[in-house]
Amino acid sequence: MTEEKDKRIALRIIMGDKEKEVTFDELCLSNNLAQEALVRLLVRKKLFKPEELVQEIEQVRKERYRAPKDMPPKR
């Protein structure tokens, strides 16, 4: 497969007469950068401490993610 075919398009942005395709990789990177910038800003403004963020991430992971062995069997 060529590199062009390996790219999966997540969305297309249309502005005026221009169209840009955004890949899943580009979308993931963009989200990651925005999230990191937001966290840094919130910590700098002392809205929460980095330790609190780590605790919250752990809590969300416990609530939302399960190991395959912990999941109910498929029907």
N, C-alpha and C. Protein backbone atom coordinates (compact mmCIF):
# COMPACT_ATOMS: atom_id res chain seq x y z
N MET A 1 0.83 -1.19 0.00
CA MET A 1 0.00 0.00 0.00
C MET A 1 0.87 1.25 0.00
N THR A 2 0.45 2.25 -0.71
CA THR A 2 1.20 3.49 -0.71
C THR A 2 0.87 4.28 0.54
N GLU A 3 1.73 5.24 0.82
CA GLU A 3 1.51 6.07 2.01
C GLU A 3 0.19 6.84 1.89
N GLU A 4 -0.14 7.26 0.69
CA GLU A 4 -1.40 8.00 0.47
C GLU A 4 -2.61 7.15 0.84
N LYS A 5 -2.59 5.87 0.50
CA LYS A 5 -3.72 5.00 0.81
C LYS A 5 -3.77 4.65 2.29
N ASP A 6 -2.61 4.72 2.98
CA ASP A 6 -2.56 4.41 4.41
C ASP A 6 -3.22 5.49 5.26
N LYS A 7 -3.32 6.71 4.72
CA LYS A 7 -3.90 7.81 5.48
C LYS A 7 -5.41 7.68 5.50
N ARG A 8 -5.96 7.63 6.69
CA ARG A 8 -7.42 7.57 6.82
C ARG A 8 -7.91 8.99 7.13
N ILE A 9 -8.86 9.44 6.37
CA ILE A 9 -9.39 10.79 6.53
C ILE A 9 -10.43 10.79 7.65
N ALA A 10 -10.23 11.68 8.62
CA ALA A 10 -11.17 11.80 9.74
C ALA A 10 -12.29 12.78 9.40
N LEU A 11 -11.92 13.88 8.73
CA LEU A 11 -12.92 14.87 8.37
C LEU A 11 -12.39 15.77 7.26
N ARG A 12 -13.30 16.49 6.66
CA ARG A 12 -12.94 17.46 5.63
C ARG A 12 -13.41 18.83 6.11
N ILE A 13 -12.52 19.79 6.02
CA ILE A 13 -12.85 21.16 6.41
C ILE A 13 -13.00 21.97 5.12
N ILE A 14 -14.13 22.65 5.00
CA ILE A 14 -14.37 23.48 3.82
C ILE A 14 -14.51 24.92 4.27
N MET A 15 -13.62 25.76 3.73
CA MET A 15 -13.66 27.20 4.02
C MET A 15 -13.66 27.93 2.69
N GLY A 16 -14.81 28.49 2.37
CA GLY A 16 -14.94 29.15 1.08
C GLY A 16 -14.84 28.13 -0.04
N ASP A 17 -13.87 28.35 -0.94
CA ASP A 17 -13.70 27.42 -2.05
C ASP A 17 -12.55 26.44 -1.81
N LYS A 18 -11.99 26.45 -0.60
CA LYS A 18 -10.88 25.54 -0.28
C LYS A 18 -11.35 24.40 0.61
N GLU A 19 -10.79 23.23 0.35
CA GLU A 19 -11.13 22.05 1.14
C GLU A 19 -9.84 21.43 1.66
N LYS A 20 -9.84 21.06 2.94
CA LYS A 20 -8.67 20.41 3.54
C LYS A 20 -9.11 19.12 4.18
N GLU A 21 -8.40 18.05 3.86
CA GLU A 21 -8.66 16.77 4.49
C GLU A 21 -7.77 16.65 5.72
N VAL A 22 -8.35 16.20 6.82
CA VAL A 22 -7.62 16.04 8.08
C VAL A 22 -7.60 14.55 8.40
N THR A 23 -6.41 14.01 8.59
CA THR A 23 -6.28 12.59 8.89
C THR A 23 -6.53 12.35 10.38
N PHE A 24 -6.75 11.09 10.73
CA PHE A 24 -6.92 10.74 12.14
C PHE A 24 -5.66 11.08 12.93
N ASP A 25 -4.49 10.88 12.33
CA ASP A 25 -3.24 11.22 13.02
C ASP A 25 -3.16 12.72 13.30
N GLU A 26 -3.50 13.53 12.31
CA GLU A 26 -3.48 14.99 12.49
C GLU A 26 -4.49 15.42 13.54
N LEU A 27 -5.66 14.83 13.52
CA LEU A 27 -6.70 15.16 14.48
C LEU A 27 -6.27 14.79 15.90
N CYS A 28 -5.67 13.62 16.04
CA CYS A 28 -5.19 13.15 17.34
C CYS A 28 -4.11 14.10 17.88
N LEU A 29 -3.16 14.47 17.03
CA LEU A 29 -2.10 15.37 17.45
C LEU A 29 -2.66 16.73 17.84
N SER A 30 -3.58 17.25 17.05
CA SER A 30 -4.19 18.54 17.35
C SER A 30 -4.92 18.51 18.70
N ASN A 31 -5.68 17.44 18.94
CA ASN A 31 -6.38 17.31 20.23
C ASN A 31 -5.39 17.21 21.38
N ASN A 32 -4.31 16.47 21.18
CA ASN A 32 -3.30 16.30 22.21
C ASN A 32 -2.65 17.64 22.56
N LEU A 33 -2.28 18.41 21.55
CA LEU A 33 -1.66 19.71 21.78
C LEU A 33 -2.61 20.67 22.50
N ALA A 34 -3.86 20.70 22.07
CA ALA A 34 -4.84 21.57 22.70
C ALA A 34 -5.08 21.17 24.16
N GLN A 35 -5.16 19.88 24.42
CA GLN A 35 -5.37 19.41 25.78
C GLN A 35 -4.18 19.76 26.67
N GLU A 36 -2.98 19.57 26.17
CA GLU A 36 -1.79 19.89 26.97
C GLU A 36 -1.73 21.39 27.27
N ALA A 37 -2.02 22.21 26.27
CA ALA A 37 -2.02 23.66 26.48
C ALA A 37 -3.06 24.06 27.52
N LEU A 38 -4.24 23.46 27.45
CA LEU A 38 -5.30 23.77 28.40
C LEU A 38 -4.90 23.37 29.82
N VAL A 39 -4.33 22.19 29.98
CA VAL A 39 -3.90 21.73 31.30
C VAL A 39 -2.83 22.66 31.86
N ARG A 40 -1.86 23.02 31.03
CA ARG A 40 -0.80 23.94 31.50
C ARG A 40 -1.38 25.27 31.97
N LEU A 41 -2.32 25.79 31.21
CA LEU A 41 -2.94 27.06 31.56
C LEU A 41 -3.71 26.95 32.87
N LEU A 42 -4.48 25.90 33.04
CA LEU A 42 -5.26 25.72 34.27
C LEU A 42 -4.35 25.54 35.49
N VAL A 43 -3.24 24.83 35.32
CA VAL A 43 -2.28 24.66 36.42
C VAL A 43 -1.62 26.00 36.73
N ARG A 44 -1.21 26.72 35.71
CA ARG A 44 -0.55 28.02 35.91
C ARG A 44 -1.48 29.00 36.62
N LYS A 45 -2.78 28.93 36.31
CA LYS A 45 -3.74 29.82 36.97
C LYS A 45 -4.19 29.28 38.33
N LYS A 46 -3.58 28.15 38.73
CA LYS A 46 -3.82 27.53 40.03
C LYS A 46 -5.28 27.11 40.23
N LEU A 47 -5.92 26.66 39.16
CA LEU A 47 -7.28 26.14 39.28
C LEU A 47 -7.26 24.71 39.79
N PHE A 48 -6.16 24.02 39.58
CA PHE A 48 -5.94 22.72 40.20
C PHE A 48 -4.45 22.43 40.17
N LYS A 49 -4.05 21.45 40.96
CA LYS A 49 -2.64 21.04 41.03
C LYS A 49 -2.43 19.85 40.09
N PRO A 50 -1.21 19.69 39.57
CA PRO A 50 -0.94 18.54 38.70
C PRO A 50 -1.30 17.21 39.35
N GLU A 51 -1.09 17.09 40.65
CA GLU A 51 -1.41 15.85 41.36
C GLU A 51 -2.91 15.56 41.31
N GLU A 52 -3.72 16.62 41.39
CA GLU A 52 -5.18 16.44 41.31
C GLU A 52 -5.58 15.92 39.93
N LEU A 53 -4.91 16.40 38.90
CA LEU A 53 -5.20 15.94 37.55
C LEU A 53 -4.88 14.45 37.42
N VAL A 54 -3.73 14.05 37.95
CA VAL A 54 -3.34 12.64 37.88
C VAL A 54 -4.37 11.77 38.61
N GLN A 55 -4.82 12.23 39.77
CA GLN A 55 -5.83 11.48 40.53
C GLN A 55 -7.13 11.36 39.73
N GLU A 56 -7.52 12.44 39.09
CA GLU A 56 -8.76 12.44 38.31
C GLU A 56 -8.65 11.52 37.09
N ILE A 57 -7.50 11.54 36.45
CA ILE A 57 -7.27 10.65 35.31
C ILE A 57 -7.38 9.20 35.75
N GLU A 58 -6.78 8.88 36.89
CA GLU A 58 -6.86 7.51 37.42
C GLU A 58 -8.31 7.12 37.70
N GLN A 59 -9.08 8.04 38.27
CA GLN A 59 -10.48 7.76 38.58
C GLN A 59 -11.28 7.51 37.31
N VAL A 60 -11.08 8.35 36.31
CA VAL A 60 -11.79 8.18 35.04
C VAL A 60 -11.41 6.85 34.40
N ARG A 61 -10.12 6.52 34.45
CA ARG A 61 -9.67 5.24 33.87
C ARG A 61 -10.33 4.06 34.57
N LYS A 62 -10.45 4.12 35.88
CA LYS A 62 -11.10 3.04 36.63
C LYS A 62 -12.58 2.92 36.25
N GLU A 63 -13.23 4.06 36.04
CA GLU A 63 -14.65 4.07 35.72
C GLU A 63 -14.94 3.62 34.29
N ARG A 64 -14.06 3.96 33.36
CA ARG A 64 -14.38 3.77 31.95
C ARG A 64 -13.68 2.62 31.26
N TYR A 65 -12.49 2.29 31.71
CA TYR A 65 -11.71 1.29 31.00
C TYR A 65 -11.58 0.02 31.81
N ARG A 66 -11.72 -1.11 31.12
CA ARG A 66 -11.60 -2.40 31.78
C ARG A 66 -10.68 -3.28 30.96
N ALA A 67 -9.98 -4.14 31.65
CA ALA A 67 -9.15 -5.13 30.96
C ALA A 67 -10.07 -6.15 30.31
N PRO A 68 -9.66 -6.74 29.22
CA PRO A 68 -10.52 -7.74 28.54
C PRO A 68 -11.02 -8.84 29.48
N LYS A 69 -10.22 -9.24 30.45
CA LYS A 69 -10.63 -10.30 31.37
C LYS A 69 -11.77 -9.85 32.28
N ASP A 70 -11.93 -8.54 32.47
CA ASP A 70 -12.97 -8.00 33.34
C ASP A 70 -14.28 -7.71 32.61
N MET A 71 -14.29 -7.87 31.30
CA MET A 71 -15.48 -7.54 30.52
C MET A 71 -16.43 -8.72 30.48
N PRO A 72 -17.73 -8.43 30.39
CA PRO A 72 -18.70 -9.53 30.30
C PRO A 72 -18.51 -10.29 28.99
N PRO A 73 -18.85 -11.58 28.97
CA PRO A 73 -18.68 -12.36 27.74
C PRO A 73 -19.60 -11.85 26.63
N LYS A 74 -19.13 -12.02 25.38
CA LYS A 74 -19.94 -11.62 24.23
C LYS A 74 -21.07 -12.61 24.05
N ARG A 75 -22.18 -12.12 23.57
CA ARG A 75 -23.34 -12.98 23.33
C ARG A 75 -23.36 -13.46 21.92
